[in-house]
C-alpha atoms as a PDB file:
ATOM      1  CA  UNK A   1       0.001  -0.002  -0.001  1.00  0.00           C
ATOM      2  CA  UNK A   2       1.259   3.546  -0.697  1.00  0.00           C
ATOM      3  CA  UNK A   3       2.939   5.256   2.227  1.00  0.00           C
ATOM      4  CA  UNK A   4       4.172   8.733   2.998  1.00  0.00           C
ATOM      5  CA  UNK A   5       6.926   8.711   5.614  1.00  0.00           C
ATOM      6  CA  UNK A   6       7.169  11.733   7.892  1.00  0.00           C
ATOM      7  CA  UNK A   7      10.120  12.100  10.257  1.00  0.00           C
ATOM      8  CA  UNK A   8       8.868  15.282  11.925  1.00  0.00           C
ATOM      9  CA  UNK A   9       5.570  16.787  12.855  1.00  0.00           C
ATOM     10  CA  UNK A  10       3.410  18.124  10.054  1.00  0.00           C
ATOM     11  CA  UNK A  11       4.719  21.458   8.661  1.00  0.00           C
ATOM     12  CA  UNK A  12       1.544  23.235   9.821  1.00  0.00           C
ATOM     13  CA  UNK A  13       1.752  21.775  13.305  1.00  0.00           C
ATOM     14  CA  UNK A  14       2.275  24.605  15.791  1.00  0.00           C
ATOM     15  CA  UNK A  15       4.213  22.288  18.111  1.00  0.00           C
ATOM     16  CA  UNK A  16       7.309  21.790  15.989  1.00  0.00           C
ATOM     17  CA  UNK A  17      10.289  22.617  18.153  1.00  0.00           C
ATOM     18  CA  UNK A  18      10.571  22.815  21.925  1.00  0.00           C
ATOM     19  CA  UNK A  19       7.811  23.938  24.230  1.00  0.00           C
ATOM     20  CA  UNK A  20       8.128  27.607  25.195  1.00  0.00           C
ATOM     21  CA  UNK A  21       7.469  27.035  28.879  1.00  0.00           C
ATOM     22  CA  UNK A  22       7.892  30.668  30.039  1.00  0.00           C
ATOM     23  CA  UNK A  23       5.235  31.795  27.542  1.00  0.00           C
ATOM     24  CA  UNK A  24       2.921  28.914  28.440  1.00  0.00           C
ATOM     25  CA  UNK A  25       3.295  29.673  32.144  1.00  0.00           C
ATOM     26  CA  UNK A  26       2.291  33.298  31.544  1.00  0.00           C
ATOM     27  CA  UNK A  27      -0.900  32.033  29.910  1.00  0.00           C
ATOM     28  CA  UNK A  28      -1.482  29.246  32.433  1.00  0.00           C
ATOM     29  CA  UNK A  29       0.296  29.880  35.760  1.00  0.00           C
ATOM     30  CA  UNK A  30      -0.928  26.496  37.055  1.00  0.00           C
ATOM     31  CA  UNK A  31       1.745  24.866  34.896  1.00  0.00           C
ATOM     32  CA  UNK A  32       4.669  26.498  36.717  1.00  0.00           C
ATOM     33  CA  UNK A  33       4.984  24.029  39.661  1.00  0.00           C
ATOM     34  CA  UNK A  34       5.496  21.155  37.209  1.00  0.00           C
ATOM     35  CA  UNK A  35       8.293  22.772  35.190  1.00  0.00           C
ATOM     36  CA  UNK A  36      11.909  22.072  36.128  1.00  0.00           C
ATOM     37  CA  UNK A  37      15.372  22.185  34.573  1.00  0.00           C
ATOM     38  CA  UNK A  38      16.416  18.731  33.380  1.00  0.00           C
ATOM     39  CA  UNK A  39      19.911  17.241  33.214  1.00  0.00           C
ATOM     40  CA  UNK A  40      20.452  18.829  29.791  1.00  0.00           C
ATOM     41  CA  UNK A  41      19.770  22.296  31.139  1.00  0.00           C
ATOM     42  CA  UNK A  42      16.395  22.566  29.383  1.00  0.00           C
ATOM     43  CA  UNK A  43      13.036  23.376  30.896  1.00  0.00           C
ATOM     44  CA  UNK A  44      10.735  20.356  30.912  1.00  0.00           C
ATOM     45  CA  UNK A  45       8.094  18.494  32.881  1.00  0.00           C
ATOM     46  CA  UNK A  46       7.957  14.927  34.156  1.00  0.00           C
ATOM     47  CA  UNK A  47       6.001  13.302  31.345  1.00  0.00           C
ATOM     48  CA  UNK A  48       5.404  10.249  33.548  1.00  0.00           C
ATOM     49  CA  UNK A  49       3.359  12.438  35.923  1.00  0.00           C
ATOM     50  CA  UNK A  50      -0.319  12.563  34.820  1.00  0.00           C
ATOM     51  CA  UNK A  51      -0.882  15.874  36.653  1.00  0.00           C
ATOM     52  CA  UNK A  52       2.060  17.462  34.849  1.00  0.00           C
ATOM     53  CA  UNK A  53       0.784  16.275  31.471  1.00  0.00           C
ATOM     54  CA  UNK A  54      -2.708  17.522  32.331  1.00  0.00           C
ATOM     55  CA  UNK A  55      -1.364  20.981  33.201  1.00  0.00           C
ATOM     56  CA  UNK A  56       0.729  21.134  30.025  1.00  0.00           C
ATOM     57  CA  UNK A  57      -2.282  20.173  27.902  1.00  0.00           C
ATOM     58  CA  UNK A  58      -4.397  22.856  29.522  1.00  0.00           C
ATOM     59  CA  UNK A  59      -1.739  25.443  28.750  1.00  0.00           C
ATOM     60  CA  UNK A  60      -1.352  24.310  25.125  1.00  0.00           C
ATOM     61  CA  UNK A  61      -5.086  24.211  24.485  1.00  0.00           C
ATOM     62  CA  UNK A  62      -5.562  27.647  26.001  1.00  0.00           C
ATOM     63  CA  UNK A  63      -2.612  29.360  24.312  1.00  0.00           C
ATOM     64  CA  UNK A  64      -2.827  27.833  20.819  1.00  0.00           C
ATOM     65  CA  UNK A  65      -6.481  26.853  20.403  1.00  0.00           C
ATOM     66  CA  UNK A  66      -8.503  29.183  22.601  1.00  0.00           C
ATOM     67  CA  UNK A  67      -9.913  26.368  24.739  1.00  0.00           C
ATOM     68  CA  UNK A  68     -10.235  28.046  28.121  1.00  0.00           C
ATOM     69  CA  UNK A  69     -12.019  25.339  30.101  1.00  0.00           C
ATOM     70  CA  UNK A  70     -10.581  21.832  29.781  1.00  0.00           C
ATOM     71  CA  UNK A  71     -10.049  18.877  32.081  1.00  0.00           C
ATOM     72  CA  UNK A  72     -10.416  15.096  32.215  1.00  0.00           C
ATOM     73  CA  UNK A  73     -11.665  12.923  35.063  1.00  0.00           C
ATOM     74  CA  UNK A  74      -9.003  11.224  37.172  1.00  0.00           C
ATOM     75  CA  UNK A  75      -7.597   8.133  35.494  1.00  0.00           C
ATOM     76  CA  UNK A  76      -8.895   8.940  32.006  1.00  0.00           C
ATOM     77  CA  UNK A  77      -6.691   9.345  28.959  1.00  0.00           C
ATOM     78  CA  UNK A  78      -4.781  12.635  28.817  1.00  0.00           C
ATOM     79  CA  UNK A  79      -3.049  12.381  25.435  1.00  0.00           C
ATOM     80  CA  UNK A  80      -0.018  14.298  24.126  1.00  0.00           C
ATOM     81  CA  UNK A  81      -1.454  17.041  21.953  1.00  0.00           C
ATOM     82  CA  UNK A  82       1.187  17.410  19.165  1.00  0.00           C
ATOM     83  CA  UNK A  83       0.556  13.933  17.737  1.00  0.00           C
ATOM     84  CA  UNK A  84      -3.199  14.415  17.857  1.00  0.00           C
ATOM     85  CA  UNK A  85      -2.847  17.689  15.965  1.00  0.00           C
ATOM     86  CA  UNK A  86      -0.791  15.906  13.299  1.00  0.00           C
ATOM     87  CA  UNK A  87      -3.671  13.497  12.617  1.00  0.00           C
ATOM     88  CA  UNK A  88      -5.982  16.445  11.952  1.00  0.00           C
ATOM     89  CA  UNK A  89      -3.525  18.130   9.589  1.00  0.00           C
ATOM     90  CA  UNK A  90      -3.000  14.968   7.542  1.00  0.00           C
ATOM     91  CA  UNK A  91      -6.729  14.436   7.185  1.00  0.00           C
ATOM     92  CA  UNK A  92      -6.930  18.045   5.967  1.00  0.00           C
ATOM     93  CA  UNK A  93      -4.298  17.267   3.334  1.00  0.00           C
ATOM     94  CA  UNK A  94      -6.229  14.192   2.260  1.00  0.00           C
ATOM     95  CA  UNK A  95      -9.383  16.239   1.733  1.00  0.00           C
ATOM     96  CA  UNK A  96      -7.412  18.902  -0.154  1.00  0.00           C
ATOM     97  CA  UNK A  97      -6.368  16.364  -2.803  1.00  0.00           C
ATOM     98  CA  UNK A  98      -9.942  16.373  -4.103  1.00  0.00           C
ATOM     99  CA  UNK A  99     -10.312  20.134  -3.813  1.00  0.00           C
ATOM    100  CA  UNK A 100      -7.599  21.501  -6.052  1.00  0.00           C
ATOM    101  CA  UNK A 101      -4.960  21.264  -3.357  1.00  0.00           C
ATOM    102  CA  UNK A 102      -6.851  23.635  -1.063  1.00  0.00           C
ATOM    103  CA  UNK A 103      -7.819  22.511   2.427  1.00  0.00           C
ATOM    104  CA  UNK A 104     -11.604  22.928   2.825  1.00  0.00           C
ATOM    105  CA  UNK A 105     -12.437  24.928   5.924  1.00  0.00           C
ATOM    106  CA  UNK A 106     -15.507  26.045   7.780  1.00  0.00           C
ATOM    107  CA  UNK A 107     -18.664  24.438   9.057  1.00  0.00           C
ATOM    108  CA  UNK A 108     -19.441  22.679   5.763  1.00  0.00           C
ATOM    109  CA  UNK A 109     -16.717  20.140   6.633  1.00  0.00           C
ATOM    110  CA  UNK A 110     -17.898  17.525   9.111  1.00  0.00           C
ATOM    111  CA  UNK A 111     -15.864  14.871  10.914  1.00  0.00           C
ATOM    112  CA  UNK A 112     -16.696  11.931  13.159  1.00  0.00           C
ATOM    113  CA  UNK A 113     -14.418  10.924  16.034  1.00  0.00           C
ATOM    114  CA  UNK A 114     -14.947   7.320  17.102  1.00  0.00           C
ATOM    115  CA  UNK A 115     -13.981   7.056  20.771  1.00  0.00           C
ATOM    116  CA  UNK A 116     -13.870  10.778  21.462  1.00  0.00           C
ATOM    117  CA  UNK A 117     -12.863  10.108  25.043  1.00  0.00           C
ATOM    118  CA  UNK A 118     -13.220  12.320  28.074  1.00  0.00           C
ATOM    119  CA  UNK A 119     -10.585  14.672  26.617  1.00  0.00           C
ATOM    120  CA  UNK A 120     -12.386  15.491  23.312  1.00  0.00           C
ATOM    121  CA  UNK A 121      -9.002  16.490  21.820  1.00  0.00           C
ATOM    122  CA  UNK A 122      -9.564  15.851  18.110  1.00  0.00           C
ATOM    123  CA  UNK A 123     -12.801  17.870  17.791  1.00  0.00           C
ATOM    124  CA  UNK A 124     -11.314  20.689  19.883  1.00  0.00           C
ATOM    125  CA  UNK A 125      -8.229  21.260  17.763  1.00  0.00           C
ATOM    126  CA  UNK A 126     -10.028  20.631  14.455  1.00  0.00           C
ATOM    127  CA  UNK A 127     -12.678  23.232  15.267  1.00  0.00           C
ATOM    128  CA  UNK A 128     -10.002  25.738  16.300  1.00  0.00           C
ATOM    129  CA  UNK A 129      -7.653  25.197  13.339  1.00  0.00           C
ATOM    130  CA  UNK A 130     -10.049  24.656  10.448  1.00  0.00           C
ATOM    131  CA  UNK A 131     -13.491  25.622  11.756  1.00  0.00           C
ATOM    132  CA  UNK A 132     -14.806  22.109  11.098  1.00  0.00           C
ATOM    133  CA  UNK A 133     -17.886  20.656  12.762  1.00  0.00           C
ATOM    134  CA  UNK A 134     -17.592  17.368  14.605  1.00  0.00           C
ATOM    135  CA  UNK A 135     -19.544  14.515  16.109  1.00  0.00           C
ATOM    136  CA  UNK A 136     -17.747  12.587  18.824  1.00  0.00           C
ATOM    137  CA  UNK A 137     -18.976   9.193  20.017  1.00  0.00           C
ATOM    138  CA  UNK A 138     -18.024   6.984  22.946  1.00  0.00           C
ATOM    139  CA  UNK A 139     -19.335   3.943  24.800  1.00  0.00           C
ATOM    140  CA  UNK A 140     -18.283   5.257  28.211  1.00  0.00           C
ATOM    141  CA  UNK A 141     -20.814   7.388  30.088  1.00  0.00           C
ATOM    142  CA  UNK A 142     -18.182   9.327  32.044  1.00  0.00           C
ATOM    143  CA  UNK A 143     -16.280  10.160  28.845  1.00  0.00           C
ATOM    144  CA  UNK A 144     -19.458  11.359  27.166  1.00  0.00           C
ATOM    145  CA  UNK A 145     -20.359  13.524  30.145  1.00  0.00           C
ATOM    146  CA  UNK A 146     -16.840  14.994  30.336  1.00  0.00           C
ATOM    147  CA  UNK A 147     -16.684  15.760  26.595  1.00  0.00           C
ATOM    148  CA  UNK A 148     -20.123  17.419  26.703  1.00  0.00           C
ATOM    149  CA  UNK A 149     -19.028  19.521  29.658  1.00  0.00           C
ATOM    150  CA  UNK A 150     -15.923  20.738  27.812  1.00  0.00           C
ATOM    151  CA  UNK A 151     -18.041  21.792  24.824  1.00  0.00           C
ATOM    152  CA  UNK A 152     -20.654  23.481  27.012  1.00  0.00           C
ATOM    153  CA  UNK A 153     -18.092  25.476  29.014  1.00  0.00           C
ATOM    154  CA  UNK A 154     -16.333  26.819  25.915  1.00  0.00           C
ATOM    155  CA  UNK A 155     -18.687  29.203  24.124  1.00  0.00           C
ATOM    156  CA  UNK A 156     -16.566  29.141  20.957  1.00  0.00           C
ATOM    157  CA  UNK A 157     -17.251  25.397  20.563  1.00  0.00           C
ATOM    158  CA  UNK A 158     -21.021  25.418  20.831  1.00  0.00           C
ATOM    159  CA  UNK A 159     -22.836  24.439  17.619  1.00  0.00           C
ATOM    160  CA  UNK A 160     -19.530  23.008  16.341  1.00  0.00           C
ATOM    161  CA  UNK A 161     -19.243  19.796  18.348  1.00  0.00           C
ATOM    162  CA  UNK A 162     -21.917  17.226  19.171  1.00  0.00           C
ATOM    163  CA  UNK A 163     -21.244  14.340  21.554  1.00  0.00           C
ATOM    164  CA  UNK A 164     -23.151  11.064  21.273  1.00  0.00           C
ATOM    165  CA  UNK A 165     -23.139   7.943  23.446  1.00  0.00           C
ATOM    166  CA  UNK A 166     -22.862   4.622  21.650  1.00  0.00           C
ATOM    167  CA  UNK A 167     -25.409   2.588  23.591  1.00  0.00           C
ATOM    168  CA  UNK A 168     -24.361  -0.755  22.088  1.00  0.00           C
ATOM    169  CA  UNK A 169     -20.614  -1.444  22.456  1.00  0.00           C
ATOM    170  CA  UNK A 170     -20.856  -4.096  19.748  1.00  0.00           C
ATOM    171  CA  UNK A 171     -21.312  -1.345  17.148  1.00  0.00           C
ATOM    172  CA  UNK A 172     -19.017   1.400  15.934  1.00  0.00           C
ATOM    173  CA  UNK A 173     -20.895   3.391  13.290  1.00  0.00           C
ATOM    174  CA  UNK A 174     -24.391   1.959  13.715  1.00  0.00           C
ATOM    175  CA  UNK A 175     -26.578   4.115  16.005  1.00  0.00           C
ATOM    176  CA  UNK A 176     -24.163   7.021  15.494  1.00  0.00           C
ATOM    177  CA  UNK A 177     -24.399   7.687  11.746  1.00  0.00           C
ATOM    178  CA  UNK A 178     -28.027   8.386  10.860  1.00  0.00           C
ATOM    179  CA  UNK A 179     -29.781   7.945   7.514  1.00  0.00           C
ATOM    180  CA  UNK A 180     -29.339  11.599   6.612  1.00  0.00           C
ATOM    181  CA  UNK A 181     -25.784  12.046   7.937  1.00  0.00           C
ATOM    182  CA  UNK A 182     -22.833  12.746   5.674  1.00  0.00           C
ATOM    183  CA  UNK A 183     -19.291  12.881   7.025  1.00  0.00           C
ATOM    184  CA  UNK A 184     -16.247  14.048   5.130  1.00  0.00           C
ATOM    185  CA  UNK A 185     -14.043  11.830   7.270  1.00  0.00           C
ATOM    186  CA  UNK A 186     -13.977   9.655  10.352  1.00  0.00           C
ATOM    187  CA  UNK A 187     -11.028   9.205  12.647  1.00  0.00           C
ATOM    188  CA  UNK A 188     -10.231   6.897  15.524  1.00  0.00           C
ATOM    189  CA  UNK A 189      -7.513   6.188  18.050  1.00  0.00           C
ATOM    190  CA  UNK A 190      -8.445   2.558  18.790  1.00  0.00           C
ATOM    191  CA  UNK A 191      -7.544   0.595  21.902  1.00  0.00           C
ATOM    192  CA  UNK A 192      -4.462  -1.218  20.646  1.00  0.00           C
ATOM    193  CA  UNK A 193      -3.520  -3.507  23.554  1.00  0.00           C
ATOM    194  CA  UNK A 194      -4.975  -7.012  23.863  1.00  0.00           C
ATOM    195  CA  UNK A 195      -5.280  -6.925  27.653  1.00  0.00           C
ATOM    196  CA  UNK A 196      -4.760  -4.750  30.721  1.00  0.00           C
ATOM    197  CA  UNK A 197      -1.472  -6.574  31.328  1.00  0.00           C
ATOM    198  CA  UNK A 198      -0.237  -5.593  27.864  1.00  0.00           C
ATOM    199  CA  UNK A 199      -1.271  -1.998  28.520  1.00  0.00           C
ATOM    200  CA  UNK A 200       0.677  -1.931  31.784  1.00  0.00           C
ATOM    201  CA  UNK A 201       3.790  -3.363  30.118  1.00  0.00           C
ATOM    202  CA  UNK A 202       3.535  -0.752  27.394  1.00  0.00           C
ATOM    203  CA  UNK A 203       3.397   1.998  29.986  1.00  0.00           C
ATOM    204  CA  UNK A 204       6.451   0.656  31.791  1.00  0.00           C
ATOM    205  CA  UNK A 205       8.359   0.687  28.484  1.00  0.00           C
ATOM    206  CA  UNK A 206       7.284   4.308  27.951  1.00  0.00           C
ATOM    207  CA  UNK A 207       8.566   5.295  31.359  1.00  0.00           C
ATOM    208  CA  UNK A 208      11.938   3.673  30.712  1.00  0.00           C
ATOM    209  CA  UNK A 209      12.188   5.413  27.337  1.00  0.00           C
ATOM    210  CA  UNK A 210      11.424   8.789  28.878  1.00  0.00           C
ATOM    211  CA  UNK A 211      14.633   8.583  30.971  1.00  0.00           C
ATOM    212  CA  UNK A 212      12.883  10.446  33.770  1.00  0.00           C
ATOM    213  CA  UNK A 213      14.528  10.272  37.200  1.00  0.00           C
ATOM    214  CA  UNK A 214      11.107  10.704  38.776  1.00  0.00           C
ATOM    215  CA  UNK A 215       9.284   8.145  36.590  1.00  0.00           C
ATOM    216  CA  UNK A 216       6.564   6.428  38.575  1.00  0.00           C
ATOM    217  CA  UNK A 217       6.913   2.707  38.103  1.00  0.00           C
ATOM    218  CA  UNK A 218       3.762   1.172  36.679  1.00  0.00           C
ATOM    219  CA  UNK A 219       1.817   4.436  36.495  1.00  0.00           C
ATOM    220  CA  UNK A 220      -0.099   5.155  33.299  1.00  0.00           C
ATOM    221  CA  UNK A 221       1.684   8.359  32.345  1.00  0.00           C
ATOM    222  CA  UNK A 222      -1.094   9.565  30.033  1.00  0.00           C
ATOM    223  CA  UNK A 223      -3.847   7.834  31.999  1.00  0.00           C
ATOM    224  CA  UNK A 224      -6.539   5.772  30.363  1.00  0.00           C
ATOM    225  CA  UNK A 225      -9.387   3.459  31.267  1.00  0.00           C
ATOM    226  CA  UNK A 226      -9.684  -0.094  29.956  1.00  0.00           C
ATOM    227  CA  UNK A 227     -11.935   0.778  27.010  1.00  0.00           C
ATOM    228  CA  UNK A 228      -9.426   3.470  25.949  1.00  0.00           C
ATOM    229  CA  UNK A 229      -6.330   1.271  26.110  1.00  0.00           C
ATOM    230  CA  UNK A 230      -7.236  -2.327  25.319  1.00  0.00           C
ATOM    231  CA  UNK A 231      -9.876  -4.641  23.895  1.00  0.00           C
ATOM    232  CA  UNK A 232     -10.070  -8.336  23.154  1.00  0.00           C
ATOM    233  CA  UNK A 233      -8.017  -9.018  20.044  1.00  0.00           C
ATOM    234  CA  UNK A 234      -6.261  -5.655  20.242  1.00  0.00           C
ATOM    235  CA  UNK A 235      -6.250  -3.062  17.500  1.00  0.00           C
ATOM    236  CA  UNK A 236      -6.561  -5.599  14.669  1.00  0.00           C
ATOM    237  CA  UNK A 237      -9.871  -6.926  15.986  1.00  0.00           C
ATOM    238  CA  UNK A 238     -11.212  -3.415  16.590  1.00  0.00           C
ATOM    239  CA  UNK A 239     -10.161  -2.076  13.190  1.00  0.00           C
ATOM    240  CA  UNK A 240     -11.539  -5.163  11.400  1.00  0.00           C
ATOM    241  CA  UNK A 241     -14.905  -4.502  13.013  1.00  0.00           C
ATOM    242  CA  UNK A 242     -14.686  -0.877  11.935  1.00  0.00           C
ATOM    243  CA  UNK A 243     -13.822  -1.874   8.361  1.00  0.00           C
ATOM    244  CA  UNK A 244     -16.728  -4.300   8.130  1.00  0.00           C
ATOM    245  CA  UNK A 245     -19.154  -1.648   9.381  1.00  0.00           C
ATOM    246  CA  UNK A 246     -17.689   0.990   7.077  1.00  0.00           C
ATOM    247  CA  UNK A 247     -18.903  -0.964   4.056  1.00  0.00           C
ATOM    248  CA  UNK A 248     -22.480  -0.442   5.244  1.00  0.00           C
ATOM    249  CA  UNK A 249     -21.881   3.322   5.518  1.00  0.00           C
ATOM    250  CA  UNK A 250     -19.908   3.482   2.249  1.00  0.00           C
ATOM    251  CA  UNK A 251     -21.881   6.313   0.624  1.00  0.00           C
ATOM    252  CA  UNK A 252     -22.258   8.400   3.771  1.00  0.00           C
ATOM    253  CA  UNK A 253     -18.542   8.946   4.412  1.00  0.00           C
ATOM    254  CA  UNK A 254     -15.820  10.216   2.093  1.00  0.00           C
ATOM    255  CA  UNK A 255     -12.736   8.957   3.972  1.00  0.00           C
ATOM    256  CA  UNK A 256     -12.693   6.472   6.834  1.00  0.00           C
ATOM    257  CA  UNK A 257      -9.512   6.438   8.889  1.00  0.00           C
ATOM    258  CA  UNK A 258      -7.873   4.989  11.984  1.00  0.00           C
ATOM    259  CA  UNK A 259      -4.576   5.115  13.787  1.00  0.00           C
ATOM    260  CA  UNK A 260      -2.590   1.868  13.722  1.00  0.00           C
ATOM    261  CA  UNK A 261       0.095   1.597  16.376  1.00  0.00           C
ATOM    262  CA  UNK A 262       1.763  -1.666  15.431  1.00  0.00           C
ATOM    263  CA  UNK A 263       3.382  -2.259  12.041  1.00  0.00           C
ATOM    264  CA  UNK A 264       2.613  -5.968  12.264  1.00  0.00           C
ATOM    265  CA  UNK A 265      -1.112  -5.144  12.310  1.00  0.00           C
ATOM    266  CA  UNK A 266      -1.060  -3.682   8.797  1.00  0.00           C
ATOM    267  CA  UNK A 267      -1.177  -6.896   6.750  1.00  0.00           C
ATOM    268  CA  UNK A 268      -4.391  -8.078   8.453  1.00  0.00           C
ATOM    269  CA  UNK A 269      -5.927  -4.618   8.069  1.00  0.00           C
ATOM    270  CA  UNK A 270      -5.053  -4.394   4.372  1.00  0.00           C
ATOM    271  CA  UNK A 271      -6.533  -7.864   3.859  1.00  0.00           C
ATOM    272  CA  UNK A 272      -9.774  -6.778   5.543  1.00  0.00           C
ATOM    273  CA  UNK A 273      -9.948  -3.648   3.376  1.00  0.00           C
ATOM    274  CA  UNK A 274      -9.504  -5.720   0.242  1.00  0.00           C
ATOM    275  CA  UNK A 275     -12.247  -8.033   1.455  1.00  0.00           C
ATOM    276  CA  UNK A 276     -14.829  -5.231   1.729  1.00  0.00           C
ATOM    277  CA  UNK A 277     -13.877  -3.740  -1.624  1.00  0.00           C
ATOM    278  CA  UNK A 278     -12.325  -0.443  -0.567  1.00  0.00           C
ATOM    279  CA  UNK A 279     -11.491   1.426  -3.786  1.00  0.00           C
ATOM    280  CA  UNK A 280      -8.578   3.419  -2.418  1.00  0.00           C
ATOM    281  CA  UNK A 281      -6.328   2.954   0.605  1.00  0.00           C
ATOM    282  CA  UNK A 282      -3.746   5.400   1.913  1.00  0.00           C
ATOM    283  CA  UNK A 283      -1.258   4.878   4.730  1.00  0.00           C
ATOM    284  CA  UNK A 284       0.501   7.860   6.287  1.00  0.00           C
ATOM    285  CA  UNK A 285       3.396   7.278   8.663  1.00  0.00           C
ATOM    286  CA  UNK A 286       3.960   9.859  11.383  1.00  0.00           C
ATOM    287  CA  UNK A 287       7.001   9.941  13.630  1.00  0.00           C
ATOM    288  CA  UNK A 288       7.314  11.851  16.875  1.00  0.00           C
ATOM    289  CA  UNK A 289      10.608  11.153  18.600  1.00  0.00           C
ATOM    290  CA  UNK A 290      11.159   7.396  18.560  1.00  0.00           C
ATOM    291  CA  UNK A 291       7.472   6.580  18.172  1.00  0.00           C
ATOM    292  CA  UNK A 292       6.064   5.767  14.736  1.00  0.00           C
ATOM    293  CA  UNK A 293       2.290   5.775  14.246  1.00  0.00           C
ATOM    294  CA  UNK A 294       0.291   5.142  11.089  1.00  0.00           C
ATOM    295  CA  UNK A 295      -2.961   6.538   9.797  1.00  0.00           C
ATOM    296  CA  UNK A 296      -4.736   4.059   7.539  1.00  0.00           C
ATOM    297  CA  UNK A 297      -7.420   5.720   5.384  1.00  0.00           C
ATOM    298  CA  UNK A 298      -9.867   4.147   2.960  1.00  0.00           C
ATOM    299  CA  UNK A 299     -12.762   5.162   0.755  1.00  0.00           C
ATOM    300  CA  UNK A 300     -15.449   3.460  -1.294  1.00  0.00           C
ATOM    301  CA  UNK A 301     -15.793   6.442  -3.644  1.00  0.00           C
ATOM    302  CA  UNK A 302     -14.319   6.460  -7.123  1.00  0.00           C
ATOM    303  CA  UNK A 303     -12.125   9.364  -8.276  1.00  0.00           C
ATOM    304  CA  UNK A 304     -15.101  10.892 -10.074  1.00  0.00           C
ATOM    305  CA  UNK A 305     -17.316  10.507  -7.008  1.00  0.00           C
ATOM    306  CA  UNK A 306     -14.603  12.041  -4.811  1.00  0.00           C
ATOM    307  CA  UNK A 307     -14.470  15.197  -6.921  1.00  0.00           C
ATOM    308  CA  UNK A 308     -18.264  15.403  -7.065  1.00  0.00           C
ATOM    309  CA  UNK A 309     -18.423  15.048  -3.275  1.00  0.00           C
ATOM    310  CA  UNK A 310     -15.887  17.848  -2.788  1.00  0.00           C
ATOM    311  CA  UNK A 311     -17.613  20.261  -5.176  1.00  0.00           C
ATOM    312  CA  UNK A 312     -21.060  19.541  -3.761  1.00  0.00           C
ATOM    313  CA  UNK A 313     -20.125  19.905  -0.071  1.00  0.00           C
ATOM    314  CA  UNK A 314     -17.203  22.311   0.149  1.00  0.00           C
ATOM    315  CA  UNK A 315     -17.803  24.842  -2.635  1.00  0.00           C
ATOM    316  CA  UNK A 316     -20.207  26.995  -0.661  1.00  0.00           C
END
């Protein structure tokens, strides 16, 4: 399958380079207690400390994206923002291919975030950067309540983001995409571990790789509940289910997409996409530090249908 390798963050990503902690602290003074000078003489935070990551995220969202009120319940996923922003930018580039190389912006563009989580990160940054509308879905009641609260408390986000609860955890798109819905893209950060034990081992590896003197052994440095981190069969099983359901929604969505954490998962995913008759598949590799993540995108629209979709929905 075609791939585009990226060794750095997307060129439009505002988080290329080091964090400007003094500026962030001026915007969000609550960050200051977590900032220290590391062994290299640089300002940093302990990325294995969930409270430090939470404070950094609040500062980034406030300074760069105008999100004034943001939090996540204790123990829920608090993701690193730069990588999440990259996903949004690459989906924008994918849409631009069918629109004369111009990224479509504004409320006529509509995305669907499967597993929006308590943090609601993807809809937040997409609305701020491109003015897109979003639907975010989740099976977890606490996540849904938290995401709704974030949207409600930020006036700039109202009428841009809708949060829905998936009442049946056996489904991904069913019950969320209605008969009249049309989405320009879907995205997903699936639970990629096979078990809670695998998730804990992965976190311990992260802590070792961070080289933090204050790393907390066994602590989930970015948090995360079971449904956010693992599912039976891991990411392959989850993405296969998503692919099978996507066929049913083939004409309601331009591009389906998902993150894929493990390279060894790709062959099974490509096989599943071939099985449902996806007409086009794109794989984008993103690298942040030592971590490589992939976005796998697929569509059931022909080239002609793609251009018609773009002209009909975005030329307003």
